[in-house]
Amino acid sequence: MDEGTNRTLTQTGAGTPMGGLLRRYWHPVAAVAELDDHPVKAVRLLGEDLALYRDRAGTYGLIDRHCAHRRADLTCGIVEGEGLRCGYHGWRYDHTGRCVEQPYEDTAEPGSRSKERILLKAYKVEALAGLTQGLLGLAPKLAGSRLVDGRFMGVQQSIAVPKGKDAGLLFLRGVVEEAKRSGLVARAIERTGAKGVSVAPLAR
C-alpha cells in the first residue's frame, strides 16, 4: 500500500474521504454504565473532541467539549435536569448544542436574545444494548435498513439484540459480521480505490 492510499484509509477527520464515509454510520461511544457514577465523559471520536453526558431527565447528549464562551472544558461541567451547565460562567446547553441559559446575561439584560445565536456542535446519540451509539453525520437511507429496539442501524439484515454483561460486544460483533456479509465493508474499501486490502476476521 502506498503512502497516499494509507492516508486515505486511516485519516477520519471531518472533510477527509474516510471521515465522510464513517460519518454516515453509527459508532459506539461508551458503555452506558460508564455514566452511572459520573454522568459526563470526555470522548474523542473520528478526530473530534466531544463531551458525552446523560442529564437527570435521562436524555443523552454528545456535544462539543468546549463552551462557546471561554472554551472551558464541559466535561468538568454540571449535569442538570435538562442539559449540561459549564462550570466556569454557568452557560447551560441542551442535547442539540443550543445555549438555553446564561445566568449573568439573563439577569443583567432580561430581554437579551444573545443565547439564541449560540450553538455548539452536537450529534445524535442513543443508548442501545448497553452502549451509547453516536452518529456524526447523516445516515443514508439504505434498502433493507431497519430499526433495532427502536433505533436506526444501517445494516441489511435483522440482528438479534443480545442480553447480559457482554451484550454490547456481542451486538457489535453481529453488526460487523452483517456489514461484511452484505458487502458494505467491501464497497467502502472499493470507494477508496485501495488495492489488496482485506478485512481480518473478528477475534472470538
Protein backbone atom coordinates (compact mmCIF):
# COMPACT_ATOMS: atom_id res chain seq x y z
CA MET A 1 0.00 0.00 0.00
CA ASP A 2 1.45 3.38 -0.94
CA GLU A 3 1.55 6.42 1.35
CA GLY A 4 -1.34 8.19 -0.32
CA THR A 5 -3.66 5.19 -0.04
CA ASN A 6 -2.64 4.71 3.58
CA ARG A 7 -3.61 8.31 4.37
CA THR A 8 -6.92 7.91 2.56
CA LEU A 9 -7.82 4.83 4.60
CA THR A 10 -6.60 6.00 8.01
CA GLN A 11 -7.47 9.69 8.27
CA THR A 12 -11.00 10.06 9.62
CA GLY A 13 -11.25 13.76 10.46
CA ALA A 14 -14.00 15.98 9.10
CA GLY A 15 -13.53 16.69 5.39
CA THR A 16 -11.49 13.54 4.65
CA PRO A 17 -12.81 10.79 2.34
CA MET A 18 -12.87 8.09 5.02
CA GLY A 19 -14.15 10.59 7.59
CA GLY A 20 -17.06 11.39 5.31
CA LEU A 21 -17.82 7.70 4.82
CA LEU A 22 -17.64 6.80 8.52
CA ARG A 23 -19.87 9.74 9.46
CA ARG A 24 -22.70 8.03 7.60
CA TYR A 25 -22.91 5.28 10.23
CA TRP A 26 -23.48 4.91 13.95
CA HIS A 27 -20.42 4.29 16.17
CA PRO A 28 -20.04 3.06 19.75
CA VAL A 29 -19.05 5.94 22.04
CA ALA A 30 -19.00 4.50 25.58
CA ALA A 31 -20.72 1.94 27.77
CA VAL A 32 -23.95 3.20 29.35
CA ALA A 33 -22.63 2.06 32.73
CA GLU A 34 -19.70 4.49 32.44
CA LEU A 35 -22.14 7.36 33.04
CA ASP A 36 -23.62 5.88 36.20
CA ASP A 37 -21.03 7.22 38.65
CA HIS A 38 -20.11 10.35 36.70
CA PRO A 39 -22.65 11.42 34.06
CA VAL A 40 -20.16 13.32 31.86
CA LYS A 41 -17.32 11.75 29.89
CA ALA A 42 -14.68 13.16 27.56
CA VAL A 43 -14.56 11.24 24.28
CA ARG A 44 -12.61 11.53 21.04
CA LEU A 45 -14.45 10.15 18.05
CA LEU A 46 -13.33 10.39 14.42
CA GLY A 47 -10.81 13.06 15.35
CA GLU A 48 -13.30 15.25 17.25
CA ASP A 49 -13.14 16.09 20.98
CA LEU A 50 -16.63 15.79 22.45
CA ALA A 51 -18.48 15.66 25.76
CA LEU A 52 -20.86 12.75 26.26
CA TYR A 53 -23.42 13.21 29.03
CA ARG A 54 -26.72 11.97 30.41
CA ASP A 55 -28.84 14.59 32.15
CA ARG A 56 -31.18 13.97 35.08
CA ALA A 57 -34.11 13.51 32.72
CA GLY A 58 -32.25 10.59 31.12
CA THR A 59 -31.51 12.43 27.86
CA TYR A 60 -28.13 11.71 26.27
CA GLY A 61 -26.08 14.45 24.67
CA LEU A 62 -22.94 14.39 22.52
CA ILE A 63 -21.71 17.96 22.08
CA ASP A 64 -18.51 19.94 21.54
CA ARG A 65 -16.25 19.52 24.54
CA HIS A 66 -15.62 23.26 24.92
CA CYS A 67 -18.00 26.03 25.94
CA ALA A 68 -18.58 28.73 23.33
CA HIS A 69 -17.84 31.47 25.87
CA ARG A 70 -14.30 30.93 27.21
CA ARG A 71 -13.65 27.44 25.80
CA ALA A 72 -13.92 25.91 29.27
CA ASP A 73 -13.98 22.10 29.36
CA LEU A 74 -17.61 20.97 29.55
CA THR A 75 -16.61 17.57 30.92
CA CYS A 76 -15.95 19.49 34.15
CA GLY A 77 -19.47 20.91 33.95
CA ILE A 78 -22.63 20.18 35.93
CA VAL A 79 -25.36 17.87 34.66
CA GLU A 80 -28.81 19.26 35.43
CA GLY A 81 -32.45 18.32 34.90
CA GLU A 82 -32.16 19.28 31.25
CA GLY A 83 -28.73 19.70 29.74
CA LEU A 84 -25.15 20.38 30.78
CA ARG A 85 -24.00 23.56 32.54
CA CYS A 86 -20.50 24.96 32.07
CA GLY A 87 -18.64 25.13 35.38
CA TYR A 88 -16.95 28.45 34.52
CA HIS A 89 -19.72 31.02 33.88
CA GLY A 90 -22.75 28.76 34.09
CA TRP A 91 -23.92 28.71 30.49
CA ARG A 92 -26.24 25.73 30.01
CA TYR A 93 -26.55 23.70 26.81
CA ASP A 94 -29.11 21.14 25.73
CA HIS A 95 -28.51 17.97 23.73
CA THR A 96 -28.87 19.85 20.42
CA GLY A 97 -25.98 22.17 21.35
CA ARG A 98 -28.23 25.20 21.90
CA CYS A 99 -27.36 27.57 24.74
CA VAL A 100 -30.57 27.69 26.79
CA GLU A 101 -29.40 29.71 29.79
CA GLN A 102 -26.86 32.44 30.56
CA PRO A 103 -27.17 33.31 34.28
CA TYR A 104 -25.48 36.73 34.21
CA GLU A 105 -26.76 37.89 30.85
CA ASP A 106 -30.32 36.73 31.61
CA THR A 107 -30.24 38.75 34.88
CA ALA A 108 -28.46 41.88 33.62
CA GLU A 109 -30.39 42.08 30.34
CA PRO A 110 -33.68 40.17 30.71
CA GLY A 111 -34.74 40.96 27.16
CA SER A 112 -31.48 39.87 25.58
CA ARG A 113 -31.66 37.16 22.94
CA SER A 114 -27.90 36.64 22.70
CA LYS A 115 -28.13 32.98 23.69
CA GLU A 116 -30.28 32.27 20.66
CA ARG A 117 -27.24 32.90 18.47
CA ILE A 118 -25.07 30.37 20.31
CA LEU A 119 -24.93 26.81 19.02
CA LEU A 120 -22.32 24.19 19.80
CA LYS A 121 -21.52 21.28 17.53
CA ALA A 122 -23.85 18.46 18.56
CA TYR A 123 -24.52 14.94 17.30
CA LYS A 124 -27.21 12.31 17.66
CA VAL A 125 -26.59 9.76 20.40
CA GLU A 126 -28.69 6.80 21.56
CA ALA A 127 -28.34 4.03 24.13
CA LEU A 128 -28.58 0.52 22.71
CA ALA A 129 -27.53 -2.90 24.02
CA GLY A 130 -25.56 -1.38 26.87
CA LEU A 131 -23.65 1.07 24.66
CA THR A 132 -24.13 4.66 23.66
CA GLN A 133 -24.06 4.97 19.87
CA GLY A 134 -23.23 8.24 18.13
CA LEU A 135 -23.92 9.47 14.61
CA LEU A 136 -21.57 12.25 13.47
CA GLY A 137 -23.24 12.81 10.12
CA LEU A 138 -26.36 11.93 8.17
CA ALA A 139 -27.28 8.27 7.93
CA PRO A 140 -28.05 7.16 4.37
CA LYS A 141 -31.39 5.59 3.58
CA LEU A 142 -30.29 2.07 2.75
CA ALA A 143 -32.52 -0.56 1.21
CA GLY A 144 -33.30 -3.06 3.94
CA SER A 145 -32.29 -0.74 6.80
CA ARG A 146 -34.33 -1.35 9.91
CA LEU A 147 -34.91 -0.24 13.46
CA VAL A 148 -33.32 -2.28 16.23
CA ASP A 149 -35.02 -1.71 19.58
CA GLY A 150 -36.48 1.49 18.14
CA ARG A 151 -33.18 2.86 16.84
CA PHE A 152 -31.83 3.05 13.30
CA MET A 153 -28.93 0.79 12.37
CA GLY A 154 -27.55 0.80 8.82
CA VAL A 155 -27.43 -2.94 8.27
CA GLN A 156 -29.08 -5.06 5.64
CA GLN A 157 -30.44 -7.94 7.71
CA SER A 158 -32.09 -8.46 11.07
CA ILE A 159 -29.67 -8.60 14.01
CA ALA A 160 -30.77 -10.17 17.26
CA VAL A 161 -30.12 -7.87 20.23
CA PRO A 162 -28.25 -9.95 22.84
CA LYS A 163 -28.54 -9.56 26.60
CA GLY A 164 -26.16 -10.00 29.50
CA LYS A 165 -22.85 -8.49 30.57
CA ASP A 166 -21.25 -8.96 27.12
CA ALA A 167 -24.31 -7.68 25.22
CA GLY A 168 -22.54 -4.64 23.79
CA LEU A 169 -19.60 -6.62 22.44
CA LEU A 170 -21.82 -9.34 21.01
CA PHE A 171 -24.08 -6.79 19.34
CA LEU A 172 -21.14 -5.00 17.70
CA ARG A 173 -19.77 -8.32 16.51
CA GLY A 174 -23.11 -9.03 14.87
CA VAL A 175 -23.19 -5.61 13.19
CA VAL A 176 -19.66 -6.01 11.80
CA GLU A 177 -20.28 -9.55 10.56
CA GLU A 178 -23.53 -8.45 8.89
CA ALA A 179 -21.79 -5.47 7.26
CA LYS A 180 -19.17 -7.83 5.84
CA ARG A 181 -21.78 -10.29 4.58
CA SER A 182 -23.90 -7.56 2.98
CA GLY A 183 -20.92 -6.09 1.15
CA LEU A 184 -20.86 -2.73 2.98
CA VAL A 185 -17.24 -3.15 4.03
CA ALA A 186 -16.13 -4.28 0.57
CA ARG A 187 -17.90 -1.32 -1.06
CA ALA A 188 -16.32 1.10 1.43
CA ILE A 189 -12.84 -0.19 0.57
CA GLU A 190 -13.64 -0.15 -3.15
CA ARG A 191 -14.67 3.53 -2.97
CA THR A 192 -11.23 4.48 -1.66
CA GLY A 193 -9.52 2.92 -4.66
CA ALA A 194 -7.26 0.86 -2.39
CA LYS A 195 -5.73 -2.32 -3.79
CA GLY A 196 -5.06 -5.58 -1.97
CA VAL A 197 -6.90 -4.62 1.25
CA SER A 198 -8.69 -7.32 3.21
CA VAL A 199 -10.65 -7.37 6.48
CA ALA A 200 -9.34 -9.66 9.22
CA PRO A 201 -11.90 -11.87 10.99
CA LEU A 202 -13.08 -10.78 14.43
CA ALA A 203 -11.41 -12.41 17.42
CA ARG A 204 -13.62 -14.86 19.27
